[in-house]
PDB file of all heavy atoms in Angstrom:
ATOM      1  N   ILE A   1      20.911   0.619  46.903  1.00  0.00           N
ATOM      2  CA  ILE A   1      20.582   0.508  48.326  1.00  0.00           C
ATOM      3  C   ILE A   1      21.867   0.711  49.118  1.00  0.00           C
ATOM      4  O   ILE A   1      22.784  -0.112  49.019  1.00  0.00           O
ATOM      5  CB  ILE A   1      19.971  -0.853  48.680  1.00  0.00           C
ATOM      6  CG1 ILE A   1      18.725  -1.131  47.836  1.00  0.00           C
ATOM      7  CG2 ILE A   1      19.610  -0.923  50.147  1.00  0.00           C
ATOM      8  CD1 ILE A   1      18.145  -2.507  48.069  1.00  0.00           C
ATOM      9  N   SER A   2      21.922   1.803  49.835  1.00  0.00           N
ATOM     10  CA  SER A   2      23.102   2.112  50.636  1.00  0.00           C
ATOM     11  C   SER A   2      24.334   2.066  49.743  1.00  0.00           C
ATOM     12  O   SER A   2      24.421   2.803  48.767  1.00  0.00           O
ATOM     13  CB  SER A   2      23.219   1.136  51.810  1.00  0.00           C
ATOM     14  OG  SER A   2      24.301   1.497  52.641  1.00  0.00           O
ATOM     15  N   GLU A   3      25.271   1.183  50.044  1.00  0.00           N
ATOM     16  CA  GLU A   3      26.499   1.119  49.266  1.00  0.00           C
ATOM     17  C   GLU A   3      26.486  -0.035  48.271  1.00  0.00           C
ATOM     18  O   GLU A   3      27.510  -0.328  47.652  1.00  0.00           O
ATOM     19  CB  GLU A   3      27.701   0.970  50.207  1.00  0.00           C
ATOM     20  CG  GLU A   3      27.897   2.164  51.141  1.00  0.00           C
ATOM     21  CD  GLU A   3      29.101   1.989  52.045  1.00  0.00           C
ATOM     22  OE1 GLU A   3      29.719   0.899  51.985  1.00  0.00           O
ATOM     23  OE2 GLU A   3      29.424   2.930  52.784  1.00  0.00           O
ATOM     24  N   THR A   4      25.344  -0.677  48.102  1.00  0.00           N
ATOM     25  CA  THR A   4      25.250  -1.787  47.160  1.00  0.00           C
ATOM     26  C   THR A   4      24.393  -1.380  45.963  1.00  0.00           C
ATOM     27  O   THR A   4      23.581  -0.465  46.036  1.00  0.00           O
ATOM     28  CB  THR A   4      24.632  -3.028  47.822  1.00  0.00           C
ATOM     29  OG1 THR A   4      23.291  -2.724  48.214  1.00  0.00           O
ATOM     30  CG2 THR A   4      25.442  -3.438  49.037  1.00  0.00           C
ATOM     31  N   CYS A   5      24.589  -2.075  44.878  1.00  0.00           N
ATOM     32  CA  CYS A   5      23.844  -1.771  43.669  1.00  0.00           C
ATOM     33  C   CYS A   5      23.510  -3.077  42.956  1.00  0.00           C
ATOM     34  O   CYS A   5      24.387  -3.932  42.777  1.00  0.00           O
ATOM     35  CB  CYS A   5      24.662  -0.862  42.756  1.00  0.00           C
ATOM     36  SG  CYS A   5      23.851  -0.435  41.204  1.00  0.00           S
ATOM     37  N   SER A   6      22.252  -3.221  42.555  1.00  0.00           N
ATOM     38  CA  SER A   6      21.816  -4.377  41.785  1.00  0.00           C
ATOM     39  C   SER A   6      21.341  -3.893  40.428  1.00  0.00           C
ATOM     40  O   SER A   6      20.807  -2.795  40.292  1.00  0.00           O
ATOM     41  CB  SER A   6      20.671  -5.120  42.502  1.00  0.00           C
ATOM     42  OG  SER A   6      21.082  -5.581  43.769  1.00  0.00           O
ATOM     43  N   GLU A   7      21.533  -4.705  39.409  1.00  0.00           N
ATOM     44  CA  GLU A   7      21.073  -4.333  38.080  1.00  0.00           C
ATOM     45  C   GLU A   7      20.593  -5.570  37.332  1.00  0.00           C
ATOM     46  O   GLU A   7      21.016  -6.688  37.616  1.00  0.00           O
ATOM     47  CB  GLU A   7      22.171  -3.637  37.288  1.00  0.00           C
ATOM     48  CG  GLU A   7      23.393  -4.494  37.006  1.00  0.00           C
ATOM     49  CD  GLU A   7      24.463  -3.747  36.222  1.00  0.00           C
ATOM     50  OE1 GLU A   7      24.781  -2.596  36.576  1.00  0.00           O
ATOM     51  OE2 GLU A   7      24.978  -4.338  35.247  1.00  0.00           O
ATOM     52  N   THR A   8      19.704  -5.351  36.392  1.00  0.00           N
ATOM     53  CA  THR A   8      19.202  -6.423  35.552  1.00  0.00           C
ATOM     54  C   THR A   8      18.908  -5.864  34.162  1.00  0.00           C
ATOM     55  O   THR A   8      18.532  -4.699  34.023  1.00  0.00           O
ATOM     56  CB  THR A   8      17.929  -7.060  36.145  1.00  0.00           C
ATOM     57  OG1 THR A   8      17.484  -8.127  35.286  1.00  0.00           O
ATOM     58  CG2 THR A   8      16.803  -6.046  36.285  1.00  0.00           C
ATOM     59  N   TRP A   9      19.103  -6.700  33.149  1.00  0.00           N
ATOM     60  CA  TRP A   9      18.922  -6.278  31.769  1.00  0.00           C
ATOM     61  C   TRP A   9      17.694  -6.934  31.153  1.00  0.00           C
ATOM     62  O   TRP A   9      17.348  -8.062  31.494  1.00  0.00           O
ATOM     63  CB  TRP A   9      20.137  -6.662  30.922  1.00  0.00           C
ATOM     64  CG  TRP A   9      21.370  -5.877  31.209  1.00  0.00           C
ATOM     65  CD1 TRP A   9      22.363  -6.209  32.091  1.00  0.00           C
ATOM     66  CD2 TRP A   9      21.756  -4.630  30.613  1.00  0.00           C
ATOM     67  NE1 TRP A   9      23.342  -5.243  32.083  1.00  0.00           N
ATOM     68  CE2 TRP A   9      23.001  -4.260  31.185  1.00  0.00           C
ATOM     69  CE3 TRP A   9      21.180  -3.793  29.661  1.00  0.00           C
ATOM     70  CZ2 TRP A   9      23.672  -3.106  30.837  1.00  0.00           C
ATOM     71  CZ3 TRP A   9      21.852  -2.640  29.296  1.00  0.00           C
ATOM     72  CH2 TRP A   9      23.077  -2.296  29.880  1.00  0.00           C
ATOM     73  N   SER A  10      17.083  -6.217  30.237  1.00  0.00           N
ATOM     74  CA  SER A  10      16.007  -6.787  29.438  1.00  0.00           C
ATOM     75  C   SER A  10      16.593  -7.580  28.277  1.00  0.00           C
ATOM     76  O   SER A  10      17.804  -7.672  28.107  1.00  0.00           O
ATOM     77  CB  SER A  10      15.112  -5.671  28.887  1.00  0.00           C
ATOM     78  OG  SER A  10      15.791  -4.975  27.846  1.00  0.00           O
ATOM     79  N   ASN A  11      15.723  -8.116  27.458  1.00  0.00           N
ATOM     80  CA  ASN A  11      16.136  -8.654  26.165  1.00  0.00           C
ATOM     81  C   ASN A  11      16.514  -7.499  25.236  1.00  0.00           C
ATOM     82  O   ASN A  11      16.380  -6.325  25.594  1.00  0.00           O
ATOM     83  CB  ASN A  11      14.989  -9.456  25.544  1.00  0.00           C
ATOM     84  CG  ASN A  11      13.765  -8.574  25.292  1.00  0.00           C
ATOM     85  OD1 ASN A  11      13.295  -7.885  26.196  1.00  0.00           O
ATOM     86  ND2 ASN A  11      13.257  -8.572  24.085  1.00  0.00           N
ATOM     87  N   GLU A  12      16.971  -7.822  24.054  1.00  0.00           N
ATOM     88  CA  GLU A  12      17.265  -6.812  23.028  1.00  0.00           C
ATOM     89  C   GLU A  12      16.172  -6.825  21.971  1.00  0.00           C
ATOM     90  O   GLU A  12      15.704  -7.889  21.563  1.00  0.00           O
ATOM     91  CB  GLU A  12      18.617  -7.085  22.362  1.00  0.00           C
ATOM     92  CG  GLU A  12      19.816  -6.953  23.286  1.00  0.00           C
ATOM     93  CD  GLU A  12      21.128  -7.240  22.568  1.00  0.00           C
ATOM     94  OE1 GLU A  12      21.110  -7.288  21.308  1.00  0.00           O
ATOM     95  OE2 GLU A  12      22.145  -7.429  23.249  1.00  0.00           O
ATOM     96  N   PHE A  13      15.771  -5.635  21.533  1.00  0.00           N
ATOM     97  CA  PHE A  13      14.842  -5.507  20.407  1.00  0.00           C
ATOM     98  C   PHE A  13      15.537  -4.734  19.301  1.00  0.00           C
ATOM     99  O   PHE A  13      16.112  -3.671  19.547  1.00  0.00           O
ATOM    100  CB  PHE A  13      13.565  -4.779  20.804  1.00  0.00           C
ATOM    101  CG  PHE A  13      12.714  -4.410  19.610  1.00  0.00           C
ATOM    102  CD1 PHE A  13      11.938  -5.359  18.981  1.00  0.00           C
ATOM    103  CD2 PHE A  13      12.737  -3.115  19.097  1.00  0.00           C
ATOM    104  CE1 PHE A  13      11.190  -5.037  17.860  1.00  0.00           C
ATOM    105  CE2 PHE A  13      11.980  -2.783  17.986  1.00  0.00           C
ATOM    106  CZ  PHE A  13      11.202  -3.741  17.368  1.00  0.00           C
ATOM    107  N   CYS A  14      15.479  -5.268  18.076  1.00  0.00           N
ATOM    108  CA  CYS A  14      16.095  -4.611  16.925  1.00  0.00           C
ATOM    109  C   CYS A  14      15.037  -4.245  15.896  1.00  0.00           C
ATOM    110  O   CYS A  14      14.226  -5.098  15.501  1.00  0.00           O
ATOM    111  CB  CYS A  14      17.144  -5.510  16.279  1.00  0.00           C
ATOM    112  SG  CYS A  14      18.622  -5.767  17.298  1.00  0.00           S
ATOM    113  N   ALA A  15      15.043  -2.998  15.488  1.00  0.00           N
ATOM    114  CA  ALA A  15      14.170  -2.514  14.417  1.00  0.00           C
ATOM    115  C   ALA A  15      15.008  -2.430  13.148  1.00  0.00           C
ATOM    116  O   ALA A  15      16.000  -1.698  13.104  1.00  0.00           O
ATOM    117  CB  ALA A  15      13.587  -1.151  14.766  1.00  0.00           C
ATOM    118  N   ILE A  16      14.629  -3.199  12.134  1.00  0.00           N
ATOM    119  CA  ILE A  16      15.350  -3.207  10.862  1.00  0.00           C
ATOM    120  C   ILE A  16      14.416  -2.658   9.796  1.00  0.00           C
ATOM    121  O   ILE A  16      13.357  -3.232   9.530  1.00  0.00           O
ATOM    122  CB  ILE A  16      15.816  -4.626  10.491  1.00  0.00           C
ATOM    123  CG1 ILE A  16      16.655  -5.223  11.629  1.00  0.00           C
ATOM    124  CG2 ILE A  16      16.629  -4.592   9.203  1.00  0.00           C
ATOM    125  CD1 ILE A  16      17.078  -6.653  11.384  1.00  0.00           C
ATOM    126  N   PHE A  17      14.799  -1.557   9.196  1.00  0.00           N
ATOM    127  CA  PHE A  17      13.924  -0.873   8.254  1.00  0.00           C
ATOM    128  C   PHE A  17      13.993  -1.496   6.869  1.00  0.00           C
ATOM    129  O   PHE A  17      15.065  -1.848   6.380  1.00  0.00           O
ATOM    130  CB  PHE A  17      14.296   0.610   8.167  1.00  0.00           C
ATOM    131  CG  PHE A  17      13.834   1.406   9.345  1.00  0.00           C
ATOM    132  CD1 PHE A  17      14.601   1.478  10.501  1.00  0.00           C
ATOM    133  CD2 PHE A  17      12.620   2.075   9.313  1.00  0.00           C
ATOM    134  CE1 PHE A  17      14.175   2.209  11.597  1.00  0.00           C
ATOM    135  CE2 PHE A  17      12.185   2.803  10.398  1.00  0.00           C
ATOM    136  CZ  PHE A  17      12.958   2.866  11.535  1.00  0.00           C
ATOM    137  N   ALA A  18      12.837  -1.612   6.245  1.00  0.00           N
ATOM    138  CA  ALA A  18      12.752  -2.092   4.874  1.00  0.00           C
ATOM    139  C   ALA A  18      13.143  -0.967   3.924  1.00  0.00           C
ATOM    140  O   ALA A  18      12.984   0.214   4.239  1.00  0.00           O
ATOM    141  CB  ALA A  18      11.325  -2.561   4.567  1.00  0.00           C
ATOM    142  N   PRO A  19      13.664  -1.298   2.744  1.00  0.00           N
ATOM    143  CA  PRO A  19      14.078  -0.255   1.802  1.00  0.00           C
ATOM    144  C   PRO A  19      12.884   0.517   1.256  1.00  0.00           C
ATOM    145  O   PRO A  19      11.787  -0.031   1.101  1.00  0.00           O
ATOM    146  CB  PRO A  19      14.783  -1.043   0.690  1.00  0.00           C
ATOM    147  CG  PRO A  19      14.165  -2.402   0.751  1.00  0.00           C
ATOM    148  CD  PRO A  19      13.886  -2.647   2.206  1.00  0.00           C
ATOM    149  N   THR A  20      13.112   1.786   0.965  1.00  0.00           N
ATOM    150  CA  THR A  20      12.102   2.632   0.335  1.00  0.00           C
ATOM    151  C   THR A  20      12.725   3.342  -0.852  1.00  0.00           C
ATOM    152  O   THR A  20      13.928   3.639  -0.848  1.00  0.00           O
ATOM    153  CB  THR A  20      11.532   3.678   1.316  1.00  0.00           C
ATOM    154  OG1 THR A  20      12.617   4.506   1.787  1.00  0.00           O
ATOM    155  CG2 THR A  20      10.862   3.013   2.506  1.00  0.00           C
ATOM    156  N   ALA A  21      11.915   3.604  -1.869  1.00  0.00           N
ATOM    157  CA  ALA A  21      12.418   4.320  -3.048  1.00  0.00           C
ATOM    158  C   ALA A  21      11.242   4.926  -3.799  1.00  0.00           C
ATOM    159  O   ALA A  21      10.295   4.220  -4.160  1.00  0.00           O
ATOM    160  CB  ALA A  21      13.200   3.386  -3.962  1.00  0.00           C
ATOM    161  N   PHE A  22      11.294   6.224  -3.987  1.00  0.00           N
ATOM    162  CA  PHE A  22      10.283   6.940  -4.760  1.00  0.00           C
ATOM    163  C   PHE A  22      11.013   7.764  -5.820  1.00  0.00           C
ATOM    164  O   PHE A  22      12.016   8.413  -5.535  1.00  0.00           O
ATOM    165  CB  PHE A  22       9.451   7.854  -3.859  1.00  0.00           C
ATOM    166  CG  PHE A  22       8.803   7.133  -2.710  1.00  0.00           C
ATOM    167  CD1 PHE A  22       9.418   7.078  -1.473  1.00  0.00           C
ATOM    168  CD2 PHE A  22       7.584   6.492  -2.875  1.00  0.00           C
ATOM    169  CE1 PHE A  22       8.837   6.400  -0.409  1.00  0.00           C
ATOM    170  CE2 PHE A  22       7.003   5.807  -1.830  1.00  0.00           C
ATOM    171  CZ  PHE A  22       7.627   5.766  -0.587  1.00  0.00           C
ATOM    172  N   TYR A  23      10.487   7.738  -7.054  1.00  0.00           N
ATOM    173  CA  TYR A  23      11.145   8.421  -8.161  1.00  0.00           C
ATOM    174  C   TYR A  23      10.249   9.508  -8.749  1.00  0.00           C
ATOM    175  O   TYR A  23       9.031   9.319  -8.863  1.00  0.00           O
ATOM    176  CB  TYR A  23      11.505   7.423  -9.266  1.00  0.00           C
ATOM    177  CG  TYR A  23      12.748   6.607  -8.964  1.00  0.00           C
ATOM    178  CD1 TYR A  23      12.654   5.376  -8.328  1.00  0.00           C
ATOM    179  CD2 TYR A  23      14.010   7.072  -9.299  1.00  0.00           C
ATOM    180  CE1 TYR A  23      13.792   4.631  -8.051  1.00  0.00           C
ATOM    181  CE2 TYR A  23      15.153   6.345  -9.029  1.00  0.00           C
ATOM    182  CZ  TYR A  23      15.039   5.120  -8.403  1.00  0.00           C
ATOM    183  OH  TYR A  23      16.163   4.393  -8.119  1.00  0.00           O
ATOM    184  N   PRO A  24      10.855  10.618  -9.164  1.00  0.00           N
ATOM    185  CA  PRO A  24      10.064  11.666  -9.843  1.00  0.00           C
ATOM    186  C   PRO A  24       9.681  11.203 -11.246  1.00  0.00           C
ATOM    187  O   PRO A  24      10.301  10.292 -11.813  1.00  0.00           O
ATOM    188  CB  PRO A  24      11.029  12.848  -9.886  1.00  0.00           C
ATOM    189  CG  PRO A  24      12.390  12.218  -9.908  1.00  0.00           C
ATOM    190  CD  PRO A  24      12.284  10.991  -9.042  1.00  0.00           C
ATOM    191  N   ASN A  25       8.661  11.838 -11.828  1.00  0.00           N
ATOM    192  CA  ASN A  25       8.249  11.473 -13.188  1.00  0.00           C
ATOM    193  C   ASN A  25       8.884  12.371 -14.248  1.00  0.00           C
ATOM    194  O   ASN A  25       8.634  12.193 -15.439  1.00  0.00           O
ATOM    195  CB  ASN A  25       6.729  11.480 -13.327  1.00  0.00           C
ATOM    196  CG  ASN A  25       6.124  12.822 -12.956  1.00  0.00           C
ATOM    197  OD1 ASN A  25       6.817  13.832 -12.881  1.00  0.00           O
ATOM    198  ND2 ASN A  25       4.820  12.827 -12.697  1.00  0.00           N
ATOM    199  N   ALA A  26       9.707  13.336 -13.818  1.00  0.00           N
ATOM    200  CA  ALA A  26      10.394  14.209 -14.773  1.00  0.00           C
ATOM    201  C   ALA A  26      11.603  14.849 -14.096  1.00  0.00           C
ATOM    202  O   ALA A  26      11.640  14.989 -12.864  1.00  0.00           O
ATOM    203  CB  ALA A  26       9.452  15.292 -15.288  1.00  0.00           C
ATOM    204  N   PHE A  27      12.593  15.215 -14.904  1.00  0.00           N
ATOM    205  CA  PHE A  27      13.729  15.986 -14.382  1.00  0.00           C
ATOM    206  C   PHE A  27      14.332  16.782 -15.530  1.00  0.00           C
ATOM    207  O   PHE A  27      14.073  16.520 -16.712  1.00  0.00           O
ATOM    208  CB  PHE A  27      14.761  15.083 -13.705  1.00  0.00           C
ATOM    209  CG  PHE A  27      15.630  14.283 -14.628  1.00  0.00           C
ATOM    210  CD1 PHE A  27      16.997  14.478 -14.665  1.00  0.00           C
ATOM    211  CD2 PHE A  27      15.090  13.297 -15.455  1.00  0.00           C
ATOM    212  CE1 PHE A  27      17.814  13.726 -15.508  1.00  0.00           C
ATOM    213  CE2 PHE A  27      15.897  12.537 -16.283  1.00  0.00           C
ATOM    214  CZ  PHE A  27      17.260  12.758 -16.320  1.00  0.00           C
ATOM    215  N   SER A  28      15.116  17.797 -15.174  1.00  0.00           N
ATOM    216  CA  SER A  28      15.658  18.714 -16.186  1.00  0.00           C
ATOM    217  C   SER A  28      17.148  18.937 -15.934  1.00  0.00           C
ATOM    218  O   SER A  28      17.523  19.823 -15.168  1.00  0.00           O
ATOM    219  CB  SER A  28      14.918  20.058 -16.142  1.00  0.00           C
ATOM    220  OG  SER A  28      14.986  20.610 -14.836  1.00  0.00           O
ATOM    221  N   PRO A  29      17.999  18.118 -16.549  1.00  0.00           N
ATOM    222  CA  PRO A  29      19.448  18.235 -16.316  1.00  0.00           C
ATOM    223  C   PRO A  29      20.086  19.402 -17.064  1.00  0.00           C
ATOM    224  O   PRO A  29      20.880  19.216 -17.994  1.00  0.00           O
ATOM    225  CB  PRO A  29      19.971  16.880 -16.825  1.00  0.00           C
ATOM    226  CG  PRO A  29      19.003  16.495 -17.894  1.00  0.00           C
ATOM    227  CD  PRO A  29      17.657  16.987 -17.433  1.00  0.00           C
ATOM    228  N   ASN A  30      19.714  20.635 -16.675  1.00  0.00           N
ATOM    229  CA  ASN A  30      20.253  21.822 -17.342  1.00  0.00           C
ATOM    230  C   ASN A  30      21.238  22.592 -16.456  1.00  0.00           C
ATOM    231  O   ASN A  30      21.557  23.745 -16.722  1.00  0.00           O
ATOM    232  CB  ASN A  30      19.111  22.749 -17.768  1.00  0.00           C
ATOM    233  CG  ASN A  30      18.187  23.095 -16.595  1.00  0.00           C
ATOM    234  OD1 ASN A  30      18.517  22.832 -15.438  1.00  0.00           O
ATOM    235  ND2 ASN A  30      17.034  23.664 -16.905  1.00  0.00           N
ATOM    236  N   ARG A  31      21.655  21.953 -15.383  1.00  0.00           N
ATOM    237  CA  ARG A  31      22.683  22.503 -14.484  1.00  0.00           C
ATOM    238  C   ARG A  31      22.280  23.822 -13.834  1.00  0.00           C
ATOM    239  O   ARG A  31      23.127  24.664 -13.553  1.00  0.00           O
ATOM    240  CB  ARG A  31      24.006  22.676 -15.227  1.00  0.00           C
ATOM    241  CG  ARG A  31      24.570  21.368 -15.767  1.00  0.00           C
ATOM    242  CD  ARG A  31      25.924  21.570 -16.409  1.00  0.00           C
ATOM    243  NE  ARG A  31      26.451  20.306 -16.931  1.00  0.00           N
ATOM    244  CZ  ARG A  31      27.636  20.179 -17.531  1.00  0.00           C
ATOM    245  NH1 ARG A  31      28.407  21.259 -17.677  1.00  0.00           N
ATOM    246  NH2 ARG A  31      28.032  19.013 -17.976  1.00  0.00           N
ATOM    247  N   ASP A  32      20.971  23.961 -13.575  1.00  0.00           N
ATOM    248  CA  ASP A  32      20.543  25.153 -12.847  1.00  0.00           C
ATOM    249  C   ASP A  32      20.423  24.877 -11.348  1.00  0.00           C
ATOM    250  O   ASP A  32      19.984  25.741 -10.587  1.00  0.00           O
ATOM    251  CB  ASP A  32      19.211  25.676 -13.399  1.00  0.00           C
ATOM    252  CG  ASP A  32      18.066  24.679 -13.205  1.00  0.00           C
ATOM    253  OD1 ASP A  32      18.324  23.535 -12.744  1.00  0.00           O
ATOM    254  OD2 ASP A  32      16.908  25.040 -13.507  1.00  0.00           O
ATOM    255  N   GLY A  33      20.803  23.681 -10.945  1.00  0.00           N
ATOM    256  CA  GLY A  33      20.750  23.328  -9.531  1.00  0.00           C
ATOM    257  C   GLY A  33      19.389  22.901  -9.046  1.00  0.00           C
ATOM    258  O   GLY A  33      19.212  22.662  -7.845  1.00  0.00           O
ATOM    259  N   ILE A  34      18.414  22.822  -9.960  1.00  0.00           N
ATOM    260  CA  ILE A  34      17.054  22.440  -9.581  1.00  0.00           C
ATOM    261  C   ILE A  34      16.655  21.205 -10.387  1.00  0.00           C
ATOM    262  O   ILE A  34      16.586  21.257 -11.623  1.00  0.00           O
ATOM    263  CB  ILE A  34      16.050  23.583  -9.835  1.00  0.00           C
ATOM    264  CG1 ILE A  34      16.471  24.837  -9.058  1.00  0.00           C
ATOM    265  CG2 ILE A  34      14.639  23.155  -9.443  1.00  0.00           C
ATOM    266  CD1 ILE A  34      15.610  26.044  -9.379  1.00  0.00           C
ATOM    267  N   ASN A  35      16.416  20.093  -9.698  1.00  0.00           N
ATOM    268  CA  ASN A  35      15.925  18.872 -10.341  1.00  0.00           C
ATOM    269  C   ASN A  35      16.836  18.441 -11.498  1.00  0.00           C
ATOM    270  O   ASN A  35      16.373  18.066 -12.583  1.00  0.00           O
ATOM    271  CB  ASN A  35      14.494  19.090 -10.848  1.00  0.00           C
ATOM    272  CG  ASN A  35      13.730  17.788 -10.993  1.00  0.00           C
ATOM    273  OD1 ASN A  35      14.059  16.791 -10.364  1.00  0.00           O
ATOM    274  ND2 ASN A  35      12.708  17.806 -11.833  1.00  0.00           N
ATOM    275  N   ASP A  36      18.150  18.475 -11.252  1.00  0.00           N
ATOM    276  CA  ASP A  36      19.116  18.185 -12.314  1.00  0.00           C
ATOM    277  C   ASP A  36      19.387  16.692 -12.509  1.00  0.00           C
ATOM    278  O   ASP A  36      19.960  16.309 -13.533  1.00  0.00           O
ATOM    279  CB  ASP A  36      20.445  18.874 -12.022  1.00  0.00           C
ATOM    280  CG  ASP A  36      20.428  20.355 -12.410  1.00  0.00           C
ATOM    281  OD1 ASP A  36      19.661  20.712 -13.308  1.00  0.00           O
ATOM    282  OD2 ASP A  36      21.186  21.125 -11.798  1.00  0.00           O
ATOM    283  N   ILE A  37      19.037  15.861 -11.540  1.00  0.00           N
ATOM    284  CA  ILE A  37      19.341  14.438 -11.640  1.00  0.00           C
ATOM    285  C   ILE A  37      18.092  13.607 -11.366  1.00  0.00           C
ATOM    286  O   ILE A  37      17.142  14.071 -10.718  1.00  0.00           O
ATOM    287  CB  ILE A  37      20.461  14.026 -10.665  1.00  0.00           C
ATOM    288  CG1 ILE A  37      20.074  14.351  -9.220  1.00  0.00           C
ATOM    289  CG2 ILE A  37      21.783  14.687 -11.037  1.00  0.00           C
ATOM    290  CD1 ILE A  37      21.058  13.837  -8.190  1.00  0.00           C
ATOM    291  N   PHE A  38      18.117  12.399 -11.875  1.00  0.00           N
ATOM    292  CA  PHE A  38      17.062  11.429 -11.628  1.00  0.00           C
ATOM    293  C   PHE A  38      17.573  10.473 -10.555  1.00  0.00           C
ATOM    294  O   PHE A  38      18.457   9.655 -10.799  1.00  0.00           O
ATOM    295  CB  PHE A  38      16.728  10.675 -12.911  1.00  0.00           C
ATOM    296  CG  PHE A  38      15.669   9.625 -12.771  1.00  0.00           C
ATOM    297  CD1 PHE A  38      14.354   9.972 -12.499  1.00  0.00           C
ATOM    298  CD2 PHE A  38      15.985   8.283 -12.912  1.00  0.00           C
ATOM    299  CE1 PHE A  38      13.377   9.000 -12.377  1.00  0.00           C
ATOM    300  CE2 PHE A  38      15.006   7.304 -12.794  1.00  0.00           C
ATOM    301  CZ  PHE A  38      13.703   7.661 -12.523  1.00  0.00           C
ATOM    302  N   ALA A  39      17.054  10.612  -9.351  1.00  0.00           N
ATOM    303  CA  ALA A  39      17.579   9.865  -8.208  1.00  0.00           C
ATOM    304  C   ALA A  39      16.439   9.447  -7.291  1.00  0.00           C
ATOM    305  O   ALA A  39      15.397  10.106  -7.240  1.00  0.00           O
ATOM    306  CB  ALA A  39      18.594  10.714  -7.432  1.00  0.00           C
ATOM    307  N   PRO A  40      16.632   8.370  -6.532  1.00  0.00           N
ATOM    308  CA  PRO A  40      15.566   7.914  -5.627  1.00  0.00           C
ATOM    309  C   PRO A  40      15.452   8.786  -4.392  1.00  0.00           C
ATOM    310  O   PRO A  40      16.442   9.335  -3.901  1.00  0.00           O
ATOM    311  CB  PRO A  40      16.011   6.500  -5.256  1.00  0.00           C
ATOM    312  CG  PRO A  40      17.509   6.556  -5.341  1.00  0.00           C
ATOM    313  CD  PRO A  40      17.801   7.481  -6.491  1.00  0.00           C
TER     314      PRO A  40
END
């Protein structure tokens, strides 16, 4: 408003993600660059 300024803050909301992990049922460590490791 003109040369004045007012401000107000809300509360804080934090989203904390739960861990996820999915694993393949097969892999082929033959160093061809495709599916070489078993990783989540």
